[in-house]
N, C-alpha and C. Protein backbone atom coordinates (compact mmCIF):
# COMPACT_ATOMS: atom_id res chain seq x y z
N UNK A 1 4.10 2.34 -13.90
CA UNK A 1 4.20 1.79 -12.57
C UNK A 1 3.33 2.63 -11.63
N UNK A 2 2.67 1.97 -10.71
CA UNK A 2 1.78 2.68 -9.80
C UNK A 2 2.57 3.48 -8.77
N UNK A 3 1.96 4.52 -8.27
CA UNK A 3 2.60 5.34 -7.24
C UNK A 3 2.79 4.52 -5.97
N UNK A 4 1.84 3.64 -5.65
CA UNK A 4 1.98 2.77 -4.49
C UNK A 4 3.21 1.87 -4.65
N UNK A 5 3.41 1.35 -5.84
CA UNK A 5 4.58 0.50 -6.09
C UNK A 5 5.86 1.31 -5.96
N UNK A 6 5.86 2.53 -6.47
CA UNK A 6 7.04 3.39 -6.33
C UNK A 6 7.37 3.61 -4.85
N UNK A 7 6.34 3.87 -4.05
CA UNK A 7 6.55 4.08 -2.62
C UNK A 7 7.11 2.82 -1.99
N UNK A 8 6.50 1.68 -2.29
CA UNK A 8 6.95 0.40 -1.74
C UNK A 8 8.42 0.14 -2.08
N UNK A 9 8.79 0.39 -3.31
CA UNK A 9 10.16 0.13 -3.74
C UNK A 9 11.16 1.09 -3.10
N UNK A 10 10.69 2.24 -2.62
CA UNK A 10 11.58 3.19 -1.97
C UNK A 10 11.91 2.82 -0.52
N UNK A 11 11.16 1.87 0.04
CA UNK A 11 11.40 1.46 1.43
C UNK A 11 12.70 0.68 1.54
N UNK A 12 13.42 0.87 2.65
CA UNK A 12 14.68 0.14 2.85
C UNK A 12 14.45 -1.37 2.94
N UNK A 13 15.47 -2.14 2.60
CA UNK A 13 15.37 -3.60 2.60
C UNK A 13 16.32 -4.23 3.61
N UNK A 14 16.46 -3.63 4.76
CA UNK A 14 17.41 -4.12 5.76
C UNK A 14 16.72 -4.94 6.84
N UNK A 15 17.48 -5.83 7.47
CA UNK A 15 17.00 -6.68 8.57
C UNK A 15 15.61 -7.22 8.26
N UNK A 16 14.65 -7.04 9.22
CA UNK A 16 13.28 -7.41 8.89
C UNK A 16 12.79 -6.27 8.02
N UNK A 17 12.83 -6.51 6.79
CA UNK A 17 12.57 -5.51 5.78
C UNK A 17 11.38 -4.60 6.11
N UNK A 18 11.59 -3.30 5.96
CA UNK A 18 10.48 -2.36 6.10
C UNK A 18 9.40 -2.67 5.08
N UNK A 19 9.82 -3.21 3.95
CA UNK A 19 8.85 -3.59 2.93
C UNK A 19 7.92 -4.68 3.45
N UNK A 20 8.51 -5.68 4.10
CA UNK A 20 7.70 -6.78 4.63
C UNK A 20 6.78 -6.28 5.74
N UNK A 21 7.29 -5.42 6.60
CA UNK A 21 6.49 -4.84 7.68
C UNK A 21 5.33 -4.04 7.08
N UNK A 22 5.61 -3.26 6.05
CA UNK A 22 4.58 -2.47 5.37
C UNK A 22 3.47 -3.38 4.83
N UNK A 23 3.85 -4.45 4.16
CA UNK A 23 2.88 -5.40 3.61
C UNK A 23 2.05 -6.02 4.73
N UNK A 24 2.71 -6.45 5.80
CA UNK A 24 2.02 -7.10 6.91
C UNK A 24 1.05 -6.16 7.61
N UNK A 25 1.44 -4.90 7.77
CA UNK A 25 0.55 -3.91 8.39
C UNK A 25 -0.70 -3.68 7.54
N UNK A 26 -0.50 -3.56 6.24
CA UNK A 26 -1.65 -3.36 5.35
C UNK A 26 -2.58 -4.57 5.40
N UNK A 27 -2.00 -5.75 5.35
CA UNK A 27 -2.81 -6.98 5.39
C UNK A 27 -3.60 -7.04 6.69
N UNK A 28 -2.96 -6.72 7.79
CA UNK A 28 -3.62 -6.77 9.10
C UNK A 28 -4.76 -5.75 9.18
N UNK A 29 -4.49 -4.52 8.78
CA UNK A 29 -5.48 -3.44 8.90
C UNK A 29 -6.65 -3.59 7.93
N UNK A 30 -6.41 -4.21 6.79
CA UNK A 30 -7.48 -4.36 5.80
C UNK A 30 -8.17 -5.72 5.88
N UNK A 31 -7.57 -6.66 6.63
CA UNK A 31 -8.15 -8.00 6.73
C UNK A 31 -7.94 -8.83 5.47
N UNK A 32 -6.97 -8.44 4.68
CA UNK A 32 -6.68 -9.15 3.42
C UNK A 32 -5.41 -9.97 3.56
N UNK A 33 -5.24 -10.92 2.67
CA UNK A 33 -4.04 -11.74 2.62
C UNK A 33 -2.91 -10.91 2.03
N UNK A 34 -1.68 -11.24 2.41
CA UNK A 34 -0.54 -10.50 1.87
C UNK A 34 -0.45 -10.61 0.35
N UNK A 35 -0.93 -11.71 -0.22
CA UNK A 35 -0.90 -11.83 -1.68
C UNK A 35 -1.80 -10.78 -2.34
N UNK A 36 -2.90 -10.45 -1.69
CA UNK A 36 -3.78 -9.40 -2.20
C UNK A 36 -3.07 -8.05 -2.14
N UNK A 37 -2.37 -7.81 -1.06
CA UNK A 37 -1.63 -6.54 -0.91
C UNK A 37 -0.57 -6.43 -2.00
N UNK A 38 0.14 -7.51 -2.29
CA UNK A 38 1.13 -7.49 -3.37
C UNK A 38 0.46 -7.20 -4.72
N UNK A 39 -0.74 -7.72 -4.94
CA UNK A 39 -1.46 -7.44 -6.19
C UNK A 39 -1.82 -5.96 -6.28
N UNK A 40 -2.18 -5.36 -5.16
CA UNK A 40 -2.45 -3.92 -5.15
C UNK A 40 -1.19 -3.15 -5.51
N UNK A 41 -0.09 -3.52 -4.89
CA UNK A 41 1.17 -2.81 -5.14
C UNK A 41 1.60 -2.95 -6.59
N UNK A 42 1.42 -4.12 -7.16
CA UNK A 42 1.81 -4.33 -8.56
C UNK A 42 0.81 -3.78 -9.56
N UNK A 43 -0.31 -3.27 -9.07
CA UNK A 43 -1.31 -2.69 -9.96
C UNK A 43 -2.19 -3.71 -10.66
N UNK A 44 -2.14 -4.97 -10.20
CA UNK A 44 -2.99 -6.01 -10.80
C UNK A 44 -4.45 -5.81 -10.42
N UNK A 45 -4.68 -5.37 -9.19
CA UNK A 45 -6.02 -5.04 -8.71
C UNK A 45 -5.92 -3.74 -7.93
N UNK A 46 -7.07 -3.17 -7.59
CA UNK A 46 -7.07 -1.90 -6.87
C UNK A 46 -7.85 -2.05 -5.57
N UNK A 47 -7.31 -1.53 -4.48
CA UNK A 47 -8.04 -1.59 -3.22
C UNK A 47 -9.26 -0.68 -3.24
N UNK A 48 -10.21 -0.99 -2.38
CA UNK A 48 -11.39 -0.13 -2.25
C UNK A 48 -10.98 1.19 -1.60
N UNK A 49 -11.88 2.14 -1.58
CA UNK A 49 -11.59 3.44 -0.97
C UNK A 49 -11.26 3.26 0.52
N UNK A 50 -11.99 2.41 1.22
CA UNK A 50 -11.71 2.17 2.64
C UNK A 50 -10.33 1.56 2.83
N UNK A 51 -9.96 0.65 1.96
CA UNK A 51 -8.64 0.03 2.02
C UNK A 51 -7.55 1.06 1.71
N UNK A 52 -7.82 1.92 0.74
CA UNK A 52 -6.87 2.99 0.41
C UNK A 52 -6.65 3.90 1.60
N UNK A 53 -7.72 4.19 2.33
CA UNK A 53 -7.60 5.04 3.51
C UNK A 53 -6.70 4.41 4.56
N UNK A 54 -6.80 3.11 4.73
CA UNK A 54 -5.91 2.42 5.67
C UNK A 54 -4.46 2.46 5.19
N UNK A 55 -4.27 2.26 3.90
CA UNK A 55 -2.92 2.26 3.33
C UNK A 55 -2.26 3.62 3.51
N UNK A 56 -2.98 4.70 3.24
CA UNK A 56 -2.37 6.03 3.37
C UNK A 56 -2.06 6.36 4.83
N UNK A 57 -2.86 5.84 5.76
CA UNK A 57 -2.55 6.03 7.18
C UNK A 57 -1.23 5.35 7.53
N UNK A 58 -1.06 4.13 7.05
CA UNK A 58 0.15 3.36 7.32
C UNK A 58 1.37 4.02 6.67
N UNK A 59 1.21 4.45 5.43
CA UNK A 59 2.32 5.06 4.70
C UNK A 59 2.58 6.51 5.11
N UNK A 60 1.57 7.12 5.75
CA UNK A 60 1.65 8.53 6.13
C UNK A 60 1.90 9.42 4.92
N UNK A 61 1.14 9.12 3.89
CA UNK A 61 1.22 9.87 2.63
C UNK A 61 -0.20 10.26 2.21
N UNK A 62 -0.35 11.34 1.45
CA UNK A 62 -1.67 11.70 0.93
C UNK A 62 -2.15 10.67 -0.10
N UNK A 63 -3.45 10.48 -0.17
CA UNK A 63 -4.00 9.50 -1.10
C UNK A 63 -3.59 9.80 -2.54
N UNK A 64 -3.53 11.09 -2.89
CA UNK A 64 -3.15 11.48 -4.25
C UNK A 64 -1.73 11.05 -4.59
N UNK A 65 -0.88 10.94 -3.57
CA UNK A 65 0.50 10.57 -3.80
C UNK A 65 0.67 9.07 -4.07
N UNK A 66 -0.22 8.26 -3.50
CA UNK A 66 -0.09 6.81 -3.66
C UNK A 66 -1.02 6.21 -4.71
N UNK A 67 -2.11 6.91 -5.00
CA UNK A 67 -3.09 6.36 -5.93
C UNK A 67 -3.49 7.39 -6.97
N UNK A 68 -3.65 6.94 -8.20
CA UNK A 68 -4.16 7.80 -9.26
C UNK A 68 -5.68 7.74 -9.17
N UNK A 69 -6.23 8.58 -8.32
CA UNK A 69 -7.66 8.53 -8.06
C UNK A 69 -8.20 9.93 -7.86
N UNK A 70 -9.47 10.08 -8.12
CA UNK A 70 -10.14 11.36 -7.87
C UNK A 70 -10.85 11.32 -6.53
N UNK A 71 -10.85 10.15 -5.89
CA UNK A 71 -11.46 10.01 -4.57
C UNK A 71 -10.50 10.56 -3.53
N UNK A 72 -11.04 11.12 -2.47
CA UNK A 72 -10.19 11.71 -1.43
C UNK A 72 -10.39 10.98 -0.12
N UNK A 73 -9.31 10.88 0.63
CA UNK A 73 -9.37 10.24 1.95
C UNK A 73 -9.74 11.27 2.99
């Protein structure tokens, strides 16, 4: 399981789910559809380095914590 997926699954699921807000923020900041964001989370596809940088800003986590990558944000 991807680290991004682990992070996503750790978010609370109350009221307007933090998970849904997380997905919507990523989609908005990256200009991608929410279905693309779900594919990133499930590890079906991988975001570009620029997209990863936006995701780590939103999650407030280091890139190494969310992605198995040698690239640095």
